[in-house]
Amino acid sequence: MRFSMNNYHTHTYRCGHGYGSEEDMVKAAIDLNMQELGFSEHVPLPFYRLFLLKSLPHTLGSLHSFLSWCKAFILNGPGMRMPYKKRKEHQKVVQELKQKYKNQITIYQGYECEYFKEYLDYYQRLLDNQEVDYLILGNHFDRYPIHSYYYGKKKVDDEMLKHYQQDVIKAIHTNLFSYIAHPDLFMMGRNKFDDLCKEVSLICKEAKKYDVPLEVNAGGIRKGLVYRNDEMVYPYNNDHFFHISQEIDNKVILGIDAHHPQQFNTKDIELLNQFVEKHHLNKINKLTFKKGNSH
């Protein structure tokens, strides 16, 4: 069975952990007959090194976290996000591609952002100044962009999980984010969908109230099924989380979360749609862009 979709979750080599140029991604999307493509690099942050300095004391208990911090500080972003000074170059390329391929596909400029309260005014300015068409919430980190506070690590404790719920709800209230990417990313670090996970999943209620779609993410599907608590599940796109989402009747949107042109493929799209059909989810194909609370 063939499915069609738009995709608003696209990265390139510029994020430091992706491959392929902006044009490579556009061509791959056109090959799948997509009508709309959104670029959503991890948002480049001004004064990023100063922000990282605040997090340094929290890296000292983990060699991995400290070394990744050092790399981010030296390179001013690569490994997680493009340097701030490179954003204009990226935006210029996207604008050129909008014109070059305007008869084949509609292209949008976006960014994927964490809920960092220090940067909320900056996010609003990006929208107000029309540097971007939209933002999506990809809440990867608890307060600081360091591995020790990463929601996708092997073990996510209860305190971090509560912070995740609180920050996602705060993010929804800003009206800055057009959808929530991989809303159940925290399940990467939980062995069981326990009572606290159920409580955190009530973010679905707030998303419903503010009409913010949730993403069914191909990145979780590409990781494959894993054996957890006597069942086979995706590490995210968790069956239990999306059962709650179905009961609440959230809108969901598919996201390829592409980091390579080859990730635009019919197999992943079919698996995404099979997941949607299995859980009887309320899928939308076209995104409505939110512009923040200043509008």
Protein backbone atom coordinates (compact mmCIF):
# COMPACT_ATOMS: atom_id res chain seq x y z
CA MET A 1 0.00 0.00 0.00
CA ARG A 2 1.30 3.49 -0.86
CA PHE A 3 0.74 6.48 1.39
CA SER A 4 1.35 10.15 0.73
CA MET A 5 2.42 12.70 3.33
CA ASN A 6 4.02 16.04 3.93
CA ASN A 7 7.07 16.30 6.18
CA TYR A 8 7.97 19.19 8.47
CA HIS A 9 10.79 17.44 10.37
CA THR A 10 13.95 17.57 8.26
CA HIS A 11 17.62 17.96 9.19
CA THR A 12 20.77 18.27 7.05
CA TYR A 13 24.51 17.93 7.54
CA ARG A 14 24.43 21.32 9.27
CA CYS A 15 23.20 19.88 12.57
CA GLY A 16 26.48 17.98 13.00
CA HIS A 17 24.87 14.53 13.12
CA GLY A 18 23.06 14.50 9.77
CA TYR A 19 24.04 13.89 6.16
CA GLY A 20 23.03 15.52 2.93
CA SER A 21 22.42 19.10 1.86
CA GLU A 22 19.18 21.04 1.81
CA GLU A 23 18.85 20.32 -1.91
CA ASP A 24 19.46 16.60 -1.38
CA MET A 25 16.51 16.57 1.02
CA VAL A 26 14.27 18.50 -1.37
CA LYS A 27 15.01 16.10 -4.22
CA ALA A 28 14.32 13.09 -1.98
CA ALA A 29 10.97 14.58 -0.92
CA ILE A 30 10.01 15.30 -4.53
CA ASP A 31 10.83 11.69 -5.44
CA LEU A 32 8.15 10.66 -2.91
CA ASN A 33 5.66 13.11 -4.44
CA MET A 34 5.48 15.19 -1.28
CA GLN A 35 3.63 18.47 -1.62
CA GLU A 36 5.18 20.24 1.39
CA LEU A 37 8.60 19.99 3.02
CA GLY A 38 9.74 21.84 6.13
CA PHE A 39 13.34 22.24 7.25
CA SER A 40 13.68 22.00 11.03
CA GLU A 41 17.33 22.08 12.00
CA HIS A 42 17.99 22.08 15.74
CA VAL A 43 17.65 25.76 16.47
CA PRO A 44 20.94 27.72 16.42
CA LEU A 45 21.23 29.61 19.71
CA PRO A 46 22.86 33.01 20.25
CA PHE A 47 25.31 33.24 23.15
CA TYR A 48 25.39 29.45 23.13
CA ARG A 49 28.77 29.19 24.87
CA LEU A 50 27.54 31.33 27.77
CA PHE A 51 24.53 29.05 28.08
CA LEU A 52 26.81 26.00 28.06
CA LEU A 53 29.00 27.51 30.79
CA LYS A 54 26.01 27.49 33.14
CA SER A 55 25.68 23.76 32.59
CA LEU A 56 29.36 22.86 33.14
CA PRO A 57 29.04 21.93 36.85
CA HIS A 58 26.32 19.43 35.92
CA THR A 59 28.65 17.53 33.54
CA LEU A 60 31.42 16.77 36.02
CA GLY A 61 29.92 13.51 37.28
CA SER A 62 29.97 11.92 33.81
CA LEU A 63 32.99 11.62 31.52
CA HIS A 64 30.73 11.20 28.47
CA SER A 65 28.74 14.30 29.36
CA PHE A 66 31.88 16.36 30.02
CA LEU A 67 33.57 15.33 26.76
CA SER A 68 30.44 16.06 24.71
CA TRP A 69 30.21 19.44 26.51
CA CYS A 70 33.83 20.20 25.53
CA LYS A 71 33.10 19.38 21.88
CA ALA A 72 29.99 21.56 21.82
CA PHE A 73 31.82 24.43 23.49
CA ILE A 74 34.82 24.29 21.14
CA LEU A 75 32.74 23.96 17.96
CA ASN A 76 29.93 26.22 19.21
CA GLY A 77 27.22 23.77 18.31
CA PRO A 78 28.08 20.88 15.94
CA GLY A 79 27.07 17.50 17.26
CA MET A 80 23.67 18.88 18.19
CA ARG A 81 22.99 22.14 16.34
CA MET A 82 24.53 24.43 13.76
CA PRO A 83 26.53 27.43 15.03
CA TYR A 84 24.44 30.59 15.30
CA LYS A 85 26.58 32.39 12.71
CA LYS A 86 25.65 29.76 10.10
CA ARG A 87 21.89 30.31 10.32
CA LYS A 88 21.78 33.04 7.66
CA GLU A 89 23.60 30.81 5.18
CA HIS A 90 21.13 28.00 5.82
CA GLN A 91 18.14 30.33 5.51
CA LYS A 92 19.51 31.75 2.25
CA VAL A 93 19.84 28.27 0.76
CA VAL A 94 16.30 27.37 1.80
CA GLN A 95 14.94 30.57 0.23
CA GLU A 96 16.74 29.79 -3.04
CA LEU A 97 15.33 26.26 -3.05
CA LYS A 98 11.82 27.61 -2.44
CA GLN A 99 12.08 29.47 -5.73
CA LYS A 100 13.97 26.81 -7.67
CA TYR A 101 11.45 24.05 -6.89
CA LYS A 102 8.29 26.14 -6.45
CA ASN A 103 6.51 24.29 -9.25
CA GLN A 104 7.27 20.89 -7.69
CA ILE A 105 7.01 21.32 -3.93
CA THR A 106 6.23 23.96 -1.27
CA ILE A 107 9.18 24.48 1.08
CA TYR A 108 9.07 26.02 4.56
CA GLN A 109 11.78 27.22 6.93
CA GLY A 110 11.49 26.04 10.51
CA TYR A 111 13.53 25.05 13.54
CA GLU A 112 13.24 22.30 16.14
CA CYS A 113 13.57 23.80 19.63
CA GLU A 114 13.84 22.75 23.24
CA TYR A 115 11.91 24.49 25.98
CA PHE A 116 14.76 26.69 27.23
CA LYS A 117 13.16 29.59 29.08
CA GLU A 118 16.22 31.75 28.43
CA TYR A 119 15.48 31.60 24.71
CA LEU A 120 11.69 32.01 24.54
CA ASP A 121 11.94 35.69 23.55
CA TYR A 122 14.42 34.75 20.84
CA TYR A 123 12.04 32.10 19.50
CA GLN A 124 9.28 34.70 19.38
CA ARG A 125 11.53 37.11 17.46
CA LEU A 126 12.32 34.42 14.89
CA LEU A 127 8.61 34.17 14.15
CA ASP A 128 7.91 37.90 14.38
CA ASN A 129 10.80 38.77 12.04
CA GLN A 130 9.69 36.01 9.64
CA GLU A 131 13.11 34.36 9.77
CA VAL A 132 11.15 31.14 10.10
CA ASP A 133 7.69 29.99 9.10
CA TYR A 134 7.24 27.72 12.12
CA LEU A 135 8.86 26.10 15.15
CA ILE A 136 8.39 22.60 16.50
CA LEU A 137 9.06 21.46 20.05
CA GLY A 138 11.68 18.74 20.26
CA ASN A 139 12.28 18.68 24.01
CA HIS A 140 15.51 16.70 24.18
CA PHE A 141 17.03 18.16 27.33
CA ASP A 142 16.10 19.01 30.92
CA ARG A 143 17.22 22.65 31.39
CA TYR A 144 20.65 22.34 29.78
CA PRO A 145 21.81 20.83 26.45
CA ILE A 146 24.11 18.25 28.02
CA HIS A 147 24.07 14.45 27.91
CA SER A 148 23.43 14.03 31.65
CA TYR A 149 20.13 15.86 31.15
CA TYR A 150 19.16 14.14 27.89
CA TYR A 151 15.64 12.70 27.88
CA GLY A 152 16.66 9.97 25.43
CA LYS A 153 19.43 8.48 27.56
CA LYS A 154 19.35 4.92 28.90
CA LYS A 155 17.91 5.83 32.29
CA VAL A 156 15.52 8.73 32.88
CA ASP A 157 14.72 9.13 36.59
CA ASP A 158 11.43 10.25 38.08
CA GLU A 159 12.58 13.81 38.74
CA MET A 160 13.62 14.31 35.12
CA LEU A 161 10.33 12.84 33.96
CA LYS A 162 8.38 15.34 36.06
CA HIS A 163 10.48 18.17 34.60
CA TYR A 164 9.67 16.89 31.12
CA GLN A 165 5.95 17.06 31.80
CA GLN A 166 6.18 20.54 33.32
CA ASP A 167 8.29 21.98 30.50
CA VAL A 168 6.21 20.50 27.69
CA ILE A 169 3.08 21.99 29.25
CA LYS A 170 4.80 25.38 29.61
CA ALA A 171 5.90 25.13 25.97
CA ILE A 172 2.36 24.41 24.82
CA HIS A 173 1.14 27.53 26.65
CA THR A 174 3.59 29.77 24.74
CA ASN A 175 1.77 29.05 21.44
CA LEU A 176 5.21 29.11 19.78
CA PHE A 177 5.31 25.50 18.67
CA SER A 178 3.26 24.14 15.79
CA TYR A 179 3.57 20.54 17.00
CA ILE A 180 5.36 18.37 19.55
CA ALA A 181 8.04 16.16 18.04
CA HIS A 182 8.55 12.66 19.51
CA PRO A 183 6.37 13.51 22.54
CA ASP A 184 7.23 10.21 24.25
CA LEU A 185 11.02 10.41 23.77
CA PHE A 186 11.35 9.87 27.54
CA MET A 187 10.40 6.21 27.03
CA MET A 188 13.93 5.63 25.68
CA GLY A 189 15.02 5.67 29.32
CA ARG A 190 12.12 3.84 31.00
CA ASN A 191 11.83 0.06 31.16
CA LYS A 192 8.12 0.10 31.94
CA PHE A 193 5.18 2.35 31.19
CA ASP A 194 4.43 2.85 34.87
CA ASP A 195 2.03 5.12 36.76
CA LEU A 196 4.36 8.12 36.47
CA CYS A 197 4.62 7.64 32.71
CA LYS A 198 0.82 7.59 32.60
CA GLU A 199 0.75 10.84 34.57
CA VAL A 200 3.33 12.47 32.27
CA SER A 201 1.30 11.37 29.28
CA LEU A 202 -1.42 13.76 30.39
CA ILE A 203 0.51 16.30 28.34
CA CYS A 204 -1.81 14.89 25.68
CA LYS A 205 -4.74 16.64 27.40
CA GLU A 206 -2.97 19.98 27.31
CA ALA A 207 -2.00 19.47 23.68
CA LYS A 208 -5.64 18.74 22.86
CA LYS A 209 -6.81 21.84 24.75
CA TYR A 210 -4.44 24.11 22.82
CA ASP A 211 -4.80 22.28 19.50
CA VAL A 212 -1.14 21.25 19.27
CA PRO A 213 -0.62 18.04 17.25
CA LEU A 214 1.63 15.24 18.46
CA GLU A 215 4.16 13.63 16.14
CA VAL A 216 4.41 9.97 15.24
CA ASN A 217 8.15 9.90 14.61
CA ALA A 218 9.97 7.70 12.10
CA GLY A 219 13.19 7.96 14.10
CA GLY A 220 11.67 5.80 16.82
CA ILE A 221 10.48 3.27 14.24
CA ARG A 222 13.93 3.16 12.59
CA LYS A 223 15.37 2.06 15.94
CA GLY A 224 13.27 -1.09 15.65
CA LEU A 225 11.19 -2.98 18.18
CA VAL A 226 12.76 -3.66 21.59
CA TYR A 227 11.81 -6.12 24.32
CA ARG A 228 10.62 -4.25 27.39
CA ASN A 229 8.57 -5.51 30.31
CA ASP A 230 7.47 -8.69 28.50
CA GLU A 231 6.39 -6.93 25.30
CA MET A 232 7.86 -5.77 22.02
CA VAL A 233 7.55 -2.00 21.58
CA TYR A 234 9.23 0.83 19.75
CA PRO A 235 11.51 2.79 22.09
CA TYR A 236 9.32 5.75 21.24
CA ASN A 237 6.06 5.88 19.44
CA ASN A 238 5.16 3.89 22.53
CA ASP A 239 1.94 1.89 22.27
CA HIS A 240 0.77 2.86 25.75
CA PHE A 241 1.43 6.57 25.28
CA PHE A 242 -0.45 6.67 22.00
CA HIS A 243 -3.31 4.66 23.44
CA ILE A 244 -3.80 7.57 25.84
CA SER A 245 -3.47 9.98 22.93
CA GLN A 246 -6.17 8.10 21.02
CA GLU A 247 -8.54 8.23 23.97
CA ILE A 248 -8.03 12.00 24.21
CA ASP A 249 -8.36 12.30 20.42
CA ASN A 250 -5.22 14.30 19.82
CA LYS A 251 -4.37 15.30 16.31
CA VAL A 252 -1.20 13.50 15.19
CA ILE A 253 1.14 14.28 12.34
CA LEU A 254 3.78 12.07 10.76
CA GLY A 255 7.42 13.15 10.96
CA ILE A 256 10.26 11.50 9.10
CA ASP A 257 12.82 13.21 11.36
CA ALA A 258 15.13 12.87 8.39
CA HIS A 259 18.87 13.10 8.96
CA HIS A 260 19.76 11.51 5.60
CA PRO A 261 18.12 11.69 2.15
CA GLN A 262 17.67 7.91 2.15
CA GLN A 263 15.32 8.25 5.11
CA PHE A 264 12.73 9.56 2.67
CA ASN A 265 11.41 6.14 1.68
CA THR A 266 8.09 4.37 1.31
CA LYS A 267 8.93 1.66 3.85
CA ASP A 268 9.17 4.09 6.77
CA ILE A 269 6.07 5.96 5.64
CA GLU A 270 4.11 2.71 5.49
CA LEU A 271 5.31 1.74 8.99
CA LEU A 272 4.26 5.15 10.31
CA ASN A 273 0.82 4.76 8.81
CA GLN A 274 0.50 1.21 10.11
CA PHE A 275 1.17 2.54 13.61
CA VAL A 276 -1.48 5.25 13.11
CA GLU A 277 -4.01 2.69 11.87
CA LYS A 278 -3.22 0.22 14.66
CA HIS A 279 -4.05 2.86 17.28
CA HIS A 280 -6.87 4.56 15.34
CA LEU A 281 -5.16 7.93 15.63
CA ASN A 282 -6.55 11.20 14.30
CA LYS A 283 -3.94 11.90 11.62
CA ILE A 284 -3.58 15.25 9.87
CA ASN A 285 -1.37 15.80 6.84
CA LYS A 286 -1.06 19.58 6.68
CA LEU A 287 0.36 21.67 9.49
CA THR A 288 -1.13 24.95 10.70
CA PHE A 289 1.67 27.24 11.84
CA LYS A 290 1.47 28.85 15.27
CA LYS A 291 3.04 32.28 15.77
CA GLY A 292 3.30 32.72 19.53
CA ASN A 293 1.31 34.70 22.05
CA SER A 294 2.19 38.08 20.53
CA HIS A 295 -0.34 37.37 17.73
